[in-house]
């Protein structure tokens, strides 16, 4: 009897588990992820997952870090000034979160021990300090930007208005006569709001930086 040949690739890998878990989170939310559900999706037995992850929380942490790894950090290394670098990083960060909004609550806990998230924090803080910001303010800038970007990814302002003109009685809402049109322009409205807020934040930081310039 001939021995069965071993598969060229293992049936299970850390990357495959993370990719499948991320797809589940994207499609159905955090509650959809369980070791039993993942095993079924992957076509393996439940205990085999424990060779790679000890708990469901570890899997979600890995999913969160895979999203952090999608954020571009090159702007902190190629000579862009601090304001331009912050702007471009914020746009890239929001794009990653916009594509994976259901994982934001896990990301919001902070970087923890996640490698990609720690590299992200290190890049932002290091760039601000190198630009002349005092360490305490560099920390505050990183926190401020994270609050703003994550908040923008948690939901859509425009998408929260019903696409129904009858929902806005002029007697009750005299200024919302066009609000029913927001839903159909959701992406444009939300993008514009993000850019407006980001510009306002960076303008304010630039004013603070100008006051620091002599000492910096």
N, C-alpha and C. Protein backbone atom coordinates (compact mmCIF):
# COMPACT_ATOMS: atom_id res chain seq x y z
N UNK A 1 0.85 -1.19 0.00
CA UNK A 1 0.00 0.00 0.00
C UNK A 1 0.88 1.24 0.00
N UNK A 2 0.59 2.13 -0.88
CA UNK A 2 1.38 3.37 -0.97
C UNK A 2 0.97 4.33 0.13
N UNK A 3 1.97 4.97 0.72
CA UNK A 3 1.68 5.97 1.75
C UNK A 3 1.08 7.20 1.09
N UNK A 4 0.12 7.82 1.80
CA UNK A 4 -0.51 9.03 1.28
C UNK A 4 0.49 10.18 1.29
N UNK A 5 0.59 10.84 0.16
CA UNK A 5 1.54 11.96 0.07
C UNK A 5 1.08 13.11 0.96
N UNK A 6 2.03 13.76 1.58
CA UNK A 6 1.72 14.92 2.40
C UNK A 6 1.35 16.10 1.50
N UNK A 7 0.41 16.93 1.94
CA UNK A 7 0.06 18.11 1.14
C UNK A 7 1.26 19.05 1.04
N UNK A 8 1.39 19.69 -0.09
CA UNK A 8 2.52 20.60 -0.27
C UNK A 8 2.47 21.77 0.70
N UNK A 9 1.25 22.21 1.02
CA UNK A 9 1.07 23.30 1.95
C UNK A 9 0.24 22.81 3.14
N UNK A 10 0.53 23.28 4.34
CA UNK A 10 -0.28 22.87 5.48
C UNK A 10 -1.71 23.34 5.32
N UNK A 11 -2.64 22.56 5.85
CA UNK A 11 -4.04 22.92 5.75
C UNK A 11 -4.36 24.20 6.51
N UNK A 12 -3.59 24.44 7.54
CA UNK A 12 -3.88 25.57 8.40
C UNK A 12 -2.62 26.38 8.64
N UNK A 13 -2.77 27.69 8.67
CA UNK A 13 -1.65 28.58 8.99
C UNK A 13 -2.19 29.78 9.74
N UNK A 14 -1.31 30.47 10.41
CA UNK A 14 -1.71 31.68 11.14
C UNK A 14 -2.34 32.70 10.20
N UNK A 15 -1.71 32.91 9.05
CA UNK A 15 -2.25 33.89 8.10
C UNK A 15 -3.63 33.50 7.61
N UNK A 16 -3.84 32.22 7.36
CA UNK A 16 -5.14 31.78 6.86
C UNK A 16 -6.22 31.97 7.92
N UNK A 17 -5.88 31.71 9.16
CA UNK A 17 -6.85 31.92 10.24
C UNK A 17 -7.20 33.39 10.35
N UNK A 18 -6.19 34.25 10.33
CA UNK A 18 -6.41 35.69 10.47
C UNK A 18 -7.22 36.22 9.29
N UNK A 19 -6.89 35.80 8.09
CA UNK A 19 -7.62 36.27 6.91
C UNK A 19 -9.09 35.86 6.99
N UNK A 20 -9.35 34.63 7.40
CA UNK A 20 -10.73 34.16 7.49
C UNK A 20 -11.48 34.88 8.60
N UNK A 21 -10.82 35.09 9.72
CA UNK A 21 -11.46 35.80 10.83
C UNK A 21 -11.76 37.24 10.43
N UNK A 22 -10.86 37.87 9.71
CA UNK A 22 -11.09 39.26 9.26
C UNK A 22 -12.28 39.33 8.32
N UNK A 23 -12.40 38.36 7.43
CA UNK A 23 -13.55 38.32 6.52
C UNK A 23 -14.86 38.17 7.30
N UNK A 24 -14.83 37.35 8.34
CA UNK A 24 -16.03 37.18 9.18
C UNK A 24 -16.38 38.47 9.90
N UNK A 25 -15.38 39.12 10.47
CA UNK A 25 -15.61 40.38 11.18
C UNK A 25 -16.16 41.42 10.22
N UNK A 26 -15.57 41.52 9.04
CA UNK A 26 -16.04 42.49 8.05
C UNK A 26 -17.49 42.24 7.67
N UNK A 27 -17.84 40.98 7.50
CA UNK A 27 -19.17 40.64 6.99
C UNK A 27 -20.24 40.64 8.07
N UNK A 28 -19.89 40.19 9.29
CA UNK A 28 -20.91 39.95 10.29
C UNK A 28 -20.64 40.58 11.65
N UNK A 29 -19.46 41.14 11.85
CA UNK A 29 -19.16 41.78 13.13
C UNK A 29 -18.37 40.89 14.06
N UNK A 30 -17.93 41.46 15.17
CA UNK A 30 -17.07 40.75 16.12
C UNK A 30 -17.75 39.51 16.70
N UNK A 31 -19.05 39.60 16.92
CA UNK A 31 -19.76 38.48 17.56
C UNK A 31 -19.76 37.23 16.69
N UNK A 32 -19.52 37.37 15.40
CA UNK A 32 -19.54 36.21 14.51
C UNK A 32 -18.33 35.31 14.69
N UNK A 33 -17.28 35.83 15.30
CA UNK A 33 -16.04 35.07 15.42
C UNK A 33 -16.08 34.18 16.65
N UNK A 34 -15.92 32.90 16.43
CA UNK A 34 -15.76 31.92 17.50
C UNK A 34 -14.86 30.84 16.95
N UNK A 35 -14.22 30.09 17.83
CA UNK A 35 -13.34 29.03 17.36
C UNK A 35 -14.13 27.98 16.58
N UNK A 36 -15.36 27.70 17.01
CA UNK A 36 -16.18 26.73 16.30
C UNK A 36 -16.52 27.23 14.90
N UNK A 37 -16.91 28.51 14.79
CA UNK A 37 -17.28 29.06 13.48
C UNK A 37 -16.05 29.11 12.57
N UNK A 38 -14.93 29.53 13.11
CA UNK A 38 -13.71 29.60 12.30
C UNK A 38 -13.30 28.22 11.81
N UNK A 39 -13.36 27.24 12.69
CA UNK A 39 -12.99 25.89 12.29
C UNK A 39 -13.87 25.41 11.14
N UNK A 40 -15.16 25.70 11.23
CA UNK A 40 -16.09 25.30 10.17
C UNK A 40 -15.75 26.01 8.86
N UNK A 41 -15.46 27.31 8.94
CA UNK A 41 -15.12 28.07 7.74
C UNK A 41 -13.83 27.56 7.10
N UNK A 42 -12.91 27.13 7.94
CA UNK A 42 -11.60 26.68 7.46
C UNK A 42 -11.59 25.20 7.09
N UNK A 43 -12.65 24.48 7.47
CA UNK A 43 -12.72 23.06 7.17
C UNK A 43 -11.77 22.21 7.99
N UNK A 44 -11.56 22.63 9.25
CA UNK A 44 -10.66 21.89 10.14
C UNK A 44 -11.38 21.61 11.46
N UNK A 45 -10.75 20.85 12.32
CA UNK A 45 -11.31 20.60 13.64
C UNK A 45 -10.98 21.77 14.56
N UNK A 46 -11.87 22.05 15.50
CA UNK A 46 -11.68 23.17 16.42
C UNK A 46 -10.34 23.15 17.15
N UNK A 47 -9.94 22.02 17.73
CA UNK A 47 -8.68 22.00 18.49
C UNK A 47 -7.45 22.38 17.67
N UNK A 48 -7.51 22.20 16.34
CA UNK A 48 -6.33 22.52 15.53
C UNK A 48 -6.01 24.01 15.56
N UNK A 49 -7.02 24.85 15.83
CA UNK A 49 -6.78 26.29 15.92
C UNK A 49 -5.85 26.64 17.08
N UNK A 50 -5.90 25.82 18.12
CA UNK A 50 -5.12 26.13 19.31
C UNK A 50 -3.62 25.91 19.11
N UNK A 51 -3.24 25.33 17.99
CA UNK A 51 -1.82 25.25 17.67
C UNK A 51 -1.29 26.61 17.24
N UNK A 52 -2.20 27.53 16.93
CA UNK A 52 -1.81 28.86 16.45
C UNK A 52 -2.26 29.98 17.40
N UNK A 53 -3.44 29.84 17.98
CA UNK A 53 -3.97 30.86 18.89
C UNK A 53 -4.60 30.16 20.10
N UNK A 54 -4.36 30.72 21.27
CA UNK A 54 -4.90 30.09 22.48
C UNK A 54 -6.35 30.46 22.72
N UNK A 55 -6.75 31.67 22.31
CA UNK A 55 -8.10 32.14 22.61
C UNK A 55 -8.67 32.92 21.43
N UNK A 56 -9.97 33.13 21.48
CA UNK A 56 -10.64 33.97 20.49
C UNK A 56 -10.09 35.39 20.54
N UNK A 57 -9.82 35.91 21.75
CA UNK A 57 -9.29 37.27 21.87
C UNK A 57 -7.96 37.41 21.15
N UNK A 58 -7.13 36.38 21.22
CA UNK A 58 -5.85 36.45 20.50
C UNK A 58 -6.07 36.53 19.00
N UNK A 59 -7.09 35.84 18.51
CA UNK A 59 -7.40 35.90 17.09
C UNK A 59 -7.85 37.31 16.70
N UNK A 60 -8.71 37.91 17.51
CA UNK A 60 -9.18 39.26 17.22
C UNK A 60 -8.05 40.27 17.30
N UNK A 61 -7.13 40.08 18.24
CA UNK A 61 -5.97 40.95 18.31
C UNK A 61 -5.14 40.86 17.02
N UNK A 62 -5.00 39.64 16.53
CA UNK A 62 -4.23 39.45 15.29
C UNK A 62 -4.95 40.08 14.10
N UNK A 63 -6.28 39.98 14.08
CA UNK A 63 -7.05 40.62 13.02
C UNK A 63 -6.84 42.14 13.07
N UNK A 64 -6.94 42.69 14.28
CA UNK A 64 -6.74 44.14 14.44
C UNK A 64 -5.35 44.55 13.95
N UNK A 65 -4.35 43.74 14.27
CA UNK A 65 -2.99 44.11 13.86
C UNK A 65 -2.83 43.99 12.36
N UNK A 66 -3.55 43.06 11.74
CA UNK A 66 -3.46 42.95 10.27
C UNK A 66 -4.03 44.18 9.59
N UNK A 67 -5.00 44.83 10.23
CA UNK A 67 -5.55 46.07 9.69
C UNK A 67 -4.57 47.22 9.92
N UNK A 68 -3.95 47.28 11.10
CA UNK A 68 -2.93 48.30 11.35
C UNK A 68 -1.79 48.20 10.35
N UNK A 69 -1.48 46.98 9.94
CA UNK A 69 -0.38 46.78 8.99
C UNK A 69 -0.70 47.33 7.61
N UNK A 70 -1.96 47.61 7.33
CA UNK A 70 -2.35 48.18 6.04
C UNK A 70 -2.12 49.69 5.97
N UNK A 71 -1.82 50.31 7.09
CA UNK A 71 -1.64 51.77 7.12
C UNK A 71 -0.25 52.13 6.61
N UNK A 72 -0.20 53.04 5.68
CA UNK A 72 1.07 53.49 5.10
C UNK A 72 1.83 54.34 6.11
N UNK A 73 3.11 54.04 6.30
CA UNK A 73 3.96 54.83 7.20
C UNK A 73 5.13 55.47 6.46
N UNK A 74 5.16 55.35 5.16
CA UNK A 74 6.31 55.84 4.40
C UNK A 74 6.47 57.34 4.49
N UNK A 75 5.37 58.05 4.76
CA UNK A 75 5.44 59.51 4.81
C UNK A 75 6.31 60.03 5.97
N UNK A 76 6.57 59.18 6.94
CA UNK A 76 7.41 59.58 8.06
C UNK A 76 8.89 59.30 7.78
N UNK A 77 9.17 58.76 6.60
CA UNK A 77 10.55 58.37 6.30
C UNK A 77 11.09 59.03 5.03
N UNK A 78 10.23 59.72 4.29
CA UNK A 78 10.67 60.20 2.97
C UNK A 78 10.87 61.72 2.91
N UNK A 79 10.96 62.36 4.07
CA UNK A 79 11.30 63.78 4.07
C UNK A 79 10.14 64.75 4.07
N UNK A 80 8.91 64.25 4.10
CA UNK A 80 7.76 65.15 4.17
C UNK A 80 7.77 65.91 5.49
N UNK A 81 7.34 67.18 5.48
CA UNK A 81 7.26 67.93 6.72
C UNK A 81 6.20 67.31 7.62
N UNK A 82 6.26 67.64 8.92
CA UNK A 82 5.43 66.94 9.89
C UNK A 82 3.94 67.09 9.60
N UNK A 83 3.52 68.29 9.13
CA UNK A 83 2.10 68.49 8.87
C UNK A 83 1.63 67.64 7.69
N UNK A 84 2.38 67.65 6.60
CA UNK A 84 2.02 66.86 5.44
C UNK A 84 2.02 65.37 5.78
N UNK A 85 3.03 64.96 6.54
CA UNK A 85 3.11 63.55 6.93
C UNK A 85 1.91 63.14 7.77
N UNK A 86 1.52 63.98 8.73
CA UNK A 86 0.36 63.66 9.56
C UNK A 86 -0.91 63.57 8.71
N UNK A 87 -1.06 64.49 7.79
CA UNK A 87 -2.24 64.49 6.93
C UNK A 87 -2.31 63.20 6.10
N UNK A 88 -1.20 62.87 5.45
CA UNK A 88 -1.19 61.71 4.56
C UNK A 88 -1.37 60.41 5.34
N UNK A 89 -0.76 60.36 6.53
CA UNK A 89 -0.93 59.18 7.39
C UNK A 89 -2.38 59.05 7.84
N UNK A 90 -3.00 60.15 8.23
CA UNK A 90 -4.39 60.12 8.68
C UNK A 90 -5.31 59.61 7.58
N UNK A 91 -5.07 60.05 6.35
CA UNK A 91 -5.88 59.59 5.22
C UNK A 91 -5.72 58.09 5.02
N UNK A 92 -4.48 57.61 5.09
CA UNK A 92 -4.24 56.18 4.92
C UNK A 92 -4.85 55.37 6.06
N UNK A 93 -4.73 55.87 7.28
CA UNK A 93 -5.27 55.19 8.46
C UNK A 93 -6.79 55.09 8.35
N UNK A 94 -7.42 56.20 7.99
CA UNK A 94 -8.88 56.18 7.88
C UNK A 94 -9.34 55.23 6.77
N UNK A 95 -8.58 55.18 5.67
CA UNK A 95 -8.95 54.28 4.59
C UNK A 95 -8.94 52.83 5.05
N UNK A 96 -7.94 52.47 5.87
CA UNK A 96 -7.88 51.10 6.38
C UNK A 96 -9.06 50.81 7.30
N UNK A 97 -9.39 51.76 8.16
CA UNK A 97 -10.51 51.57 9.08
C UNK A 97 -11.85 51.60 8.35
N UNK A 98 -11.95 52.41 7.33
CA UNK A 98 -13.20 52.47 6.55
C UNK A 98 -13.47 51.13 5.88
N UNK A 99 -12.40 50.43 5.48
CA UNK A 99 -12.57 49.13 4.84
C UNK A 99 -12.88 48.03 5.86
N UNK A 100 -12.55 48.28 7.13
CA UNK A 100 -12.75 47.26 8.17
C UNK A 100 -13.33 47.89 9.44
N UNK A 101 -14.48 48.55 9.36
CA UNK A 101 -15.01 49.31 10.50
C UNK A 101 -15.37 48.45 11.71
N UNK A 102 -15.70 47.19 11.50
CA UNK A 102 -16.14 46.36 12.63
C UNK A 102 -15.02 46.02 13.61
N UNK A 103 -13.77 46.17 13.18
CA UNK A 103 -12.65 45.86 14.06
C UNK A 103 -12.21 47.08 14.87
N UNK A 104 -12.80 48.24 14.60
CA UNK A 104 -12.38 49.47 15.29
C UNK A 104 -12.47 49.37 16.82
N UNK A 105 -13.52 48.76 17.40
CA UNK A 105 -13.56 48.65 18.86
C UNK A 105 -12.35 47.93 19.45
N UNK A 106 -11.80 46.95 18.73
CA UNK A 106 -10.60 46.26 19.22
C UNK A 106 -9.39 47.18 19.09
N UNK A 107 -9.27 47.87 17.97
CA UNK A 107 -8.17 48.81 17.77
C UNK A 107 -8.20 49.93 18.80
N UNK A 108 -9.40 50.33 19.20
CA UNK A 108 -9.55 51.45 20.12
C UNK A 108 -9.01 51.15 21.51
N UNK A 109 -8.76 49.89 21.81
CA UNK A 109 -8.20 49.54 23.13
C UNK A 109 -6.75 50.01 23.26
N UNK A 110 -6.13 50.34 22.15
CA UNK A 110 -4.73 50.73 22.17
C UNK A 110 -3.88 49.67 21.51
N UNK A 111 -2.60 49.95 21.30
CA UNK A 111 -1.75 49.00 20.57
C UNK A 111 -1.45 47.72 21.31
N UNK A 112 -1.49 47.77 22.64
CA UNK A 112 -1.16 46.57 23.40
C UNK A 112 0.22 46.05 23.01
N UNK A 113 0.27 44.77 22.67
CA UNK A 113 1.53 44.15 22.22
C UNK A 113 1.52 43.85 20.72
N UNK A 114 0.58 44.44 20.01
CA UNK A 114 0.46 44.16 18.58
C UNK A 114 1.61 44.84 17.82
N UNK A 115 2.43 44.08 17.10
CA UNK A 115 3.62 44.64 16.45
C UNK A 115 3.34 45.77 15.47
N UNK A 116 2.38 45.58 14.56
CA UNK A 116 2.11 46.63 13.57
C UNK A 116 1.58 47.88 14.22
N UNK A 117 0.73 47.72 15.23
CA UNK A 117 0.18 48.89 15.93
C UNK A 117 1.28 49.63 16.69
N UNK A 118 2.23 48.90 17.26
CA UNK A 118 3.34 49.54 17.97
C UNK A 118 4.26 50.27 16.99
N UNK A 119 4.48 49.68 15.81
CA UNK A 119 5.28 50.37 14.81
C UNK A 119 4.60 51.66 14.37
N UNK A 120 3.29 51.62 14.25
CA UNK A 120 2.53 52.81 13.88
C UNK A 120 2.71 53.91 14.92
N UNK A 121 2.52 53.55 16.19
CA UNK A 121 2.67 54.53 17.26
C UNK A 121 4.09 55.08 17.32
N UNK A 122 5.06 54.20 17.13
CA UNK A 122 6.46 54.61 17.17
C UNK A 122 6.77 55.59 16.04
N UNK A 123 6.22 55.33 14.85
CA UNK A 123 6.49 56.19 13.69
C UNK A 123 5.93 57.58 13.90
N UNK A 124 4.70 57.67 14.40
CA UNK A 124 4.07 58.98 14.59
C UNK A 124 4.80 59.76 15.67
N UNK A 125 5.01 59.12 16.81
CA UNK A 125 5.68 59.81 17.93
C UNK A 125 7.09 60.23 17.52
N UNK A 126 7.84 59.32 16.91
CA UNK A 126 9.21 59.65 16.52
C UNK A 126 9.27 60.80 15.55
N UNK A 127 8.36 60.83 14.58
CA UNK A 127 8.36 61.91 13.59
C UNK A 127 8.06 63.25 14.23
N UNK A 128 7.13 63.27 15.19
CA UNK A 128 6.79 64.53 15.85
C UNK A 128 7.95 65.05 16.70
N UNK A 129 8.60 64.16 17.42
CA UNK A 129 9.74 64.58 18.24
C UNK A 129 10.88 65.07 17.36
N UNK A 130 11.14 64.36 16.27
CA UNK A 130 12.21 64.78 15.36
C UNK A 130 11.90 66.13 14.71
N UNK A 131 10.60 66.44 14.57
CA UNK A 131 10.20 67.73 13.97
C UNK A 131 10.32 68.87 14.96
N UNK A 132 10.55 68.56 16.23
CA UNK A 132 10.73 69.61 17.22
C UNK A 132 9.63 69.71 18.26
N UNK A 133 8.64 68.85 18.18
CA UNK A 133 7.60 68.86 19.22
C UNK A 133 8.15 68.28 20.51
N UNK A 134 7.84 68.89 21.66
CA UNK A 134 8.24 68.30 22.93
C UNK A 134 7.60 66.92 23.09
N UNK A 135 8.27 65.99 23.76
CA UNK A 135 7.75 64.63 23.88
C UNK A 135 6.32 64.54 24.39
N UNK A 136 5.97 65.34 25.40
CA UNK A 136 4.61 65.27 25.95
C UNK A 136 3.58 65.67 24.90
N UNK A 137 3.90 66.71 24.13
CA UNK A 137 2.95 67.15 23.10
C UNK A 137 2.92 66.19 21.92
N UNK A 138 4.05 65.55 21.63
CA UNK A 138 4.07 64.54 20.57
C UNK A 138 3.14 63.38 20.94
N UNK A 139 3.15 63.02 22.22
CA UNK A 139 2.24 61.97 22.70
C UNK A 139 0.79 62.41 22.54
N UNK A 140 0.51 63.65 22.90
CA UNK A 140 -0.86 64.17 22.79
C UNK A 140 -1.32 64.22 21.34
N UNK A 141 -0.42 64.56 20.43
CA UNK A 141 -0.78 64.62 19.01
C UNK A 141 -1.16 63.23 18.51
N UNK A 142 -0.37 62.23 18.89
CA UNK A 142 -0.69 60.86 18.48
C UNK A 142 -2.05 60.43 19.00
N UNK A 143 -2.33 60.77 20.26
CA UNK A 143 -3.63 60.41 20.84
C UNK A 143 -4.76 61.16 20.16
N UNK A 144 -4.58 62.46 19.96
CA UNK A 144 -5.60 63.28 19.31
C UNK A 144 -5.95 62.75 17.94
N UNK A 145 -4.94 62.44 17.14
CA UNK A 145 -5.19 61.97 15.79
C UNK A 145 -5.90 60.61 15.81
N UNK A 146 -5.53 59.77 16.74
CA UNK A 146 -6.17 58.45 16.81
C UNK A 146 -7.64 58.59 17.19
N UNK A 147 -7.94 59.48 18.15
CA UNK A 147 -9.34 59.70 18.52
C UNK A 147 -10.16 60.16 17.31
N UNK A 148 -9.60 61.11 16.59
CA UNK A 148 -10.31 61.69 15.46
C UNK A 148 -10.53 60.67 14.35
N UNK A 149 -9.47 59.96 14.00
CA UNK A 149 -9.56 59.01 12.89
C UNK A 149 -10.50 57.86 13.24
N UNK A 150 -10.35 57.30 14.43
CA UNK A 150 -11.21 56.18 14.81
C UNK A 150 -12.67 56.62 14.93
N UNK A 151 -12.88 57.81 15.46
CA UNK A 151 -14.25 58.31 15.57
C UNK A 151 -14.90 58.45 14.21
N UNK A 152 -14.12 58.89 13.23
CA UNK A 152 -14.67 59.07 11.88
C UNK A 152 -15.01 57.74 11.22
N UNK A 153 -14.38 56.67 11.70
CA UNK A 153 -14.60 55.36 11.09
C UNK A 153 -15.74 54.57 11.74
N UNK A 154 -16.24 55.05 12.87
CA UNK A 154 -17.25 54.30 13.61
C UNK A 154 -18.64 54.37 13.00
N UNK A 155 -18.88 55.36 12.19
CA UNK A 155 -20.19 55.47 11.58
C UNK A 155 -20.22 56.59 10.56
N UNK A 156 -21.30 56.64 9.81
CA UNK A 156 -21.46 57.66 8.78
C UNK A 156 -22.48 58.69 9.23
N UNK A 157 -22.07 59.95 9.25
CA UNK A 157 -23.01 61.03 9.55
C UNK A 157 -24.10 61.08 8.49
N UNK A 158 -23.69 61.11 7.24
CA UNK A 158 -24.66 61.24 6.15
C UNK A 158 -25.58 60.02 6.07
N UNK A 159 -25.01 58.85 6.32
CA UNK A 159 -25.80 57.63 6.23
C UNK A 159 -26.83 57.48 7.33
N UNK A 160 -26.78 58.35 8.33
CA UNK A 160 -27.72 58.26 9.44
C UNK A 160 -29.04 58.99 9.23
N UNK A 161 -29.17 59.64 8.08
CA UNK A 161 -30.40 60.37 7.78
C UNK A 161 -31.28 59.56 6.83
N UNK A 162 -32.56 59.41 7.13
CA UNK A 162 -33.45 58.64 6.25
C UNK A 162 -33.55 59.25 4.86
N UNK A 163 -33.58 58.38 3.88
CA UNK A 163 -33.74 58.82 2.49
C UNK A 163 -35.23 58.94 2.20
N UNK A 164 -35.88 59.86 2.92
CA UNK A 164 -37.33 60.01 2.83
C UNK A 164 -37.68 61.46 3.15
N UNK A 165 -38.07 62.22 2.14
CA UNK A 165 -38.37 63.63 2.34
C UNK A 165 -39.49 63.85 3.34
N UNK A 166 -40.41 62.88 3.46
CA UNK A 166 -41.53 63.02 4.39
C UNK A 166 -41.11 62.94 5.85
N UNK A 167 -39.87 62.50 6.10
CA UNK A 167 -39.41 62.36 7.48
C UNK A 167 -39.07 63.72 8.10
N UNK A 168 -39.02 64.76 7.28
CA UNK A 168 -38.56 66.06 7.75
C UNK A 168 -39.67 67.10 7.57
N UNK A 169 -40.60 67.09 8.48
CA UNK A 169 -41.71 68.05 8.44
C UNK A 169 -41.14 69.45 8.67
N UNK A 170 -41.36 70.38 7.73
CA UNK A 170 -40.82 71.74 7.89
C UNK A 170 -41.26 72.42 9.18
N UNK A 171 -42.40 72.02 9.70
CA UNK A 171 -42.87 72.61 10.96
C UNK A 171 -41.97 72.22 12.12
N UNK A 172 -41.43 71.03 12.04
CA UNK A 172 -40.56 70.54 13.12
C UNK A 172 -39.08 70.74 12.83
N UNK A 173 -38.71 70.60 11.54
CA UNK A 173 -37.30 70.68 11.16
C UNK A 173 -37.15 71.65 10.00
N UNK A 174 -37.24 72.94 10.28
CA UNK A 174 -37.24 73.93 9.20
C UNK A 174 -35.95 74.00 8.40
N UNK A 175 -34.86 73.45 8.92
CA UNK A 175 -33.57 73.56 8.23
C UNK A 175 -33.13 72.24 7.60
N UNK A 176 -33.98 71.23 7.62
CA UNK A 176 -33.58 69.92 7.11
C UNK A 176 -34.33 69.54 5.83
N UNK A 177 -34.70 70.52 5.05
CA UNK A 177 -35.45 70.26 3.84
C UNK A 177 -34.70 69.43 2.81
N UNK A 178 -33.36 69.42 2.86
CA UNK A 178 -32.57 68.65 1.92
C UNK A 178 -31.87 67.45 2.58
N UNK A 179 -32.21 67.18 3.82
CA UNK A 179 -31.51 66.12 4.55
C UNK A 179 -31.73 64.75 3.94
N UNK A 180 -32.84 64.55 3.25
CA UNK A 180 -33.11 63.24 2.65
C UNK A 180 -32.12 62.92 1.52
N UNK A 181 -31.39 63.93 1.07
CA UNK A 181 -30.43 63.71 0.00
C UNK A 181 -29.05 63.29 0.52
N UNK A 182 -28.86 63.37 1.82
CA UNK A 182 -27.55 63.06 2.37
C UNK A 182 -27.15 61.61 2.12
N UNK A 183 -28.10 60.70 2.27
CA UNK A 183 -27.77 59.28 2.13
C UNK A 183 -27.19 58.95 0.76
N UNK A 184 -27.75 59.55 -0.30
CA UNK A 184 -27.28 59.24 -1.64
C UNK A 184 -25.91 59.85 -1.92
N UNK A 185 -25.51 60.82 -1.09
CA UNK A 185 -24.19 61.45 -1.23
C UNK A 185 -23.30 61.12 -0.05
N UNK A 186 -23.56 59.98 0.56
CA UNK A 186 -22.90 59.61 1.81
C UNK A 186 -21.38 59.68 1.73
N UNK A 187 -20.80 59.03 0.74
CA UNK A 187 -19.33 58.99 0.65
C UNK A 187 -18.75 60.39 0.49
N UNK A 188 -19.35 61.20 -0.38
CA UNK A 188 -18.84 62.54 -0.61
C UNK A 188 -18.95 63.41 0.64
N UNK A 189 -20.10 63.32 1.33
CA UNK A 189 -20.30 64.13 2.53
C UNK A 189 -19.32 63.71 3.63
N UNK A 190 -19.18 62.41 3.83
CA UNK A 190 -18.30 61.93 4.90
C UNK A 190 -16.84 62.24 4.61
N UNK A 191 -16.42 62.11 3.36
CA UNK A 191 -15.05 62.43 2.99
C UNK A 191 -14.76 63.91 3.20
N UNK A 192 -15.72 64.75 2.80
CA UNK A 192 -15.54 66.19 2.97
C UNK A 192 -15.48 66.56 4.45
N UNK A 193 -16.33 65.93 5.25
CA UNK A 193 -16.32 66.20 6.68
C UNK A 193 -14.99 65.80 7.31
N UNK A 194 -14.47 64.65 6.89
CA UNK A 194 -13.18 64.20 7.42
C UNK A 194 -12.08 65.19 7.06
N UNK A 195 -12.04 65.61 5.81
CA UNK A 195 -11.00 66.55 5.38
C UNK A 195 -11.15 67.90 6.09
N UNK A 196 -12.39 68.33 6.31
CA UNK A 196 -12.62 69.60 7.01
C UNK A 196 -12.08 69.51 8.44
N UNK A 197 -12.41 68.42 9.12
CA UNK A 197 -11.94 68.25 10.49
C UNK A 197 -10.44 68.09 10.56
N UNK A 198 -9.88 67.33 9.62
CA UNK A 198 -8.43 67.11 9.62
C UNK A 198 -7.69 68.42 9.37
N UNK A 199 -8.17 69.23 8.44
CA UNK A 199 -7.54 70.52 8.17
C UNK A 199 -7.61 71.42 9.38
N UNK A 200 -8.76 71.42 10.06
CA UNK A 200 -8.91 72.26 11.25
C UNK A 200 -7.93 71.82 12.35
N UNK A 201 -7.79 70.51 12.54
CA UNK A 201 -6.84 70.00 13.54
C UNK A 201 -5.41 70.41 13.19
N UNK A 202 -5.04 70.23 11.93
CA UNK A 202 -3.67 70.54 11.53
C UNK A 202 -3.40 72.04 11.57
N UNK A 203 -4.40 72.85 11.25
CA UNK A 203 -4.24 74.30 11.35
C UNK A 203 -3.96 74.69 12.81
N UNK A 204 -4.72 74.11 13.71
CA UNK A 204 -4.53 74.40 15.14
C UNK A 204 -3.17 73.95 15.62
N UNK A 205 -2.73 72.77 15.18
CA UNK A 205 -1.41 72.30 15.57
C UNK A 205 -0.31 73.17 14.99
N UNK A 206 -0.51 73.66 13.76
CA UNK A 206 0.49 74.52 13.13
C UNK A 206 0.65 75.82 13.92
N UNK A 207 -0.45 76.34 14.45
CA UNK A 207 -0.37 77.55 15.28
C UNK A 207 0.42 77.27 16.55
N UNK A 208 0.17 76.12 17.16
CA UNK A 208 0.94 75.77 18.37
C UNK A 208 2.42 75.60 18.02
N UNK A 209 2.69 74.98 16.89
CA UNK A 209 4.06 74.73 16.48
C UNK A 209 4.80 76.05 16.24
N UNK A 210 4.10 77.02 15.66
CA UNK A 210 4.72 78.32 15.40
C UNK A 210 5.16 78.99 16.70
N UNK A 211 4.37 78.80 17.74
CA UNK A 211 4.74 79.37 19.03
C UNK A 211 5.92 78.62 19.65
N UNK A 212 6.09 77.36 19.28
CA UNK A 212 7.21 76.57 19.80
C UNK A 212 8.48 76.80 19.03
N UNK A 213 8.37 77.34 17.81
CA UNK A 213 9.50 77.44 16.90
C UNK A 213 10.76 78.04 17.51
N UNK A 214 10.65 79.17 18.24
CA UNK A 214 11.87 79.74 18.79
C UNK A 214 12.62 78.76 19.71
N UNK A 215 11.85 78.08 20.58
CA UNK A 215 12.52 77.14 21.49
C UNK A 215 12.94 75.87 20.78
N UNK A 216 12.14 75.46 19.75
CA UNK A 216 12.50 74.25 19.00
C UNK A 216 13.78 74.47 18.20
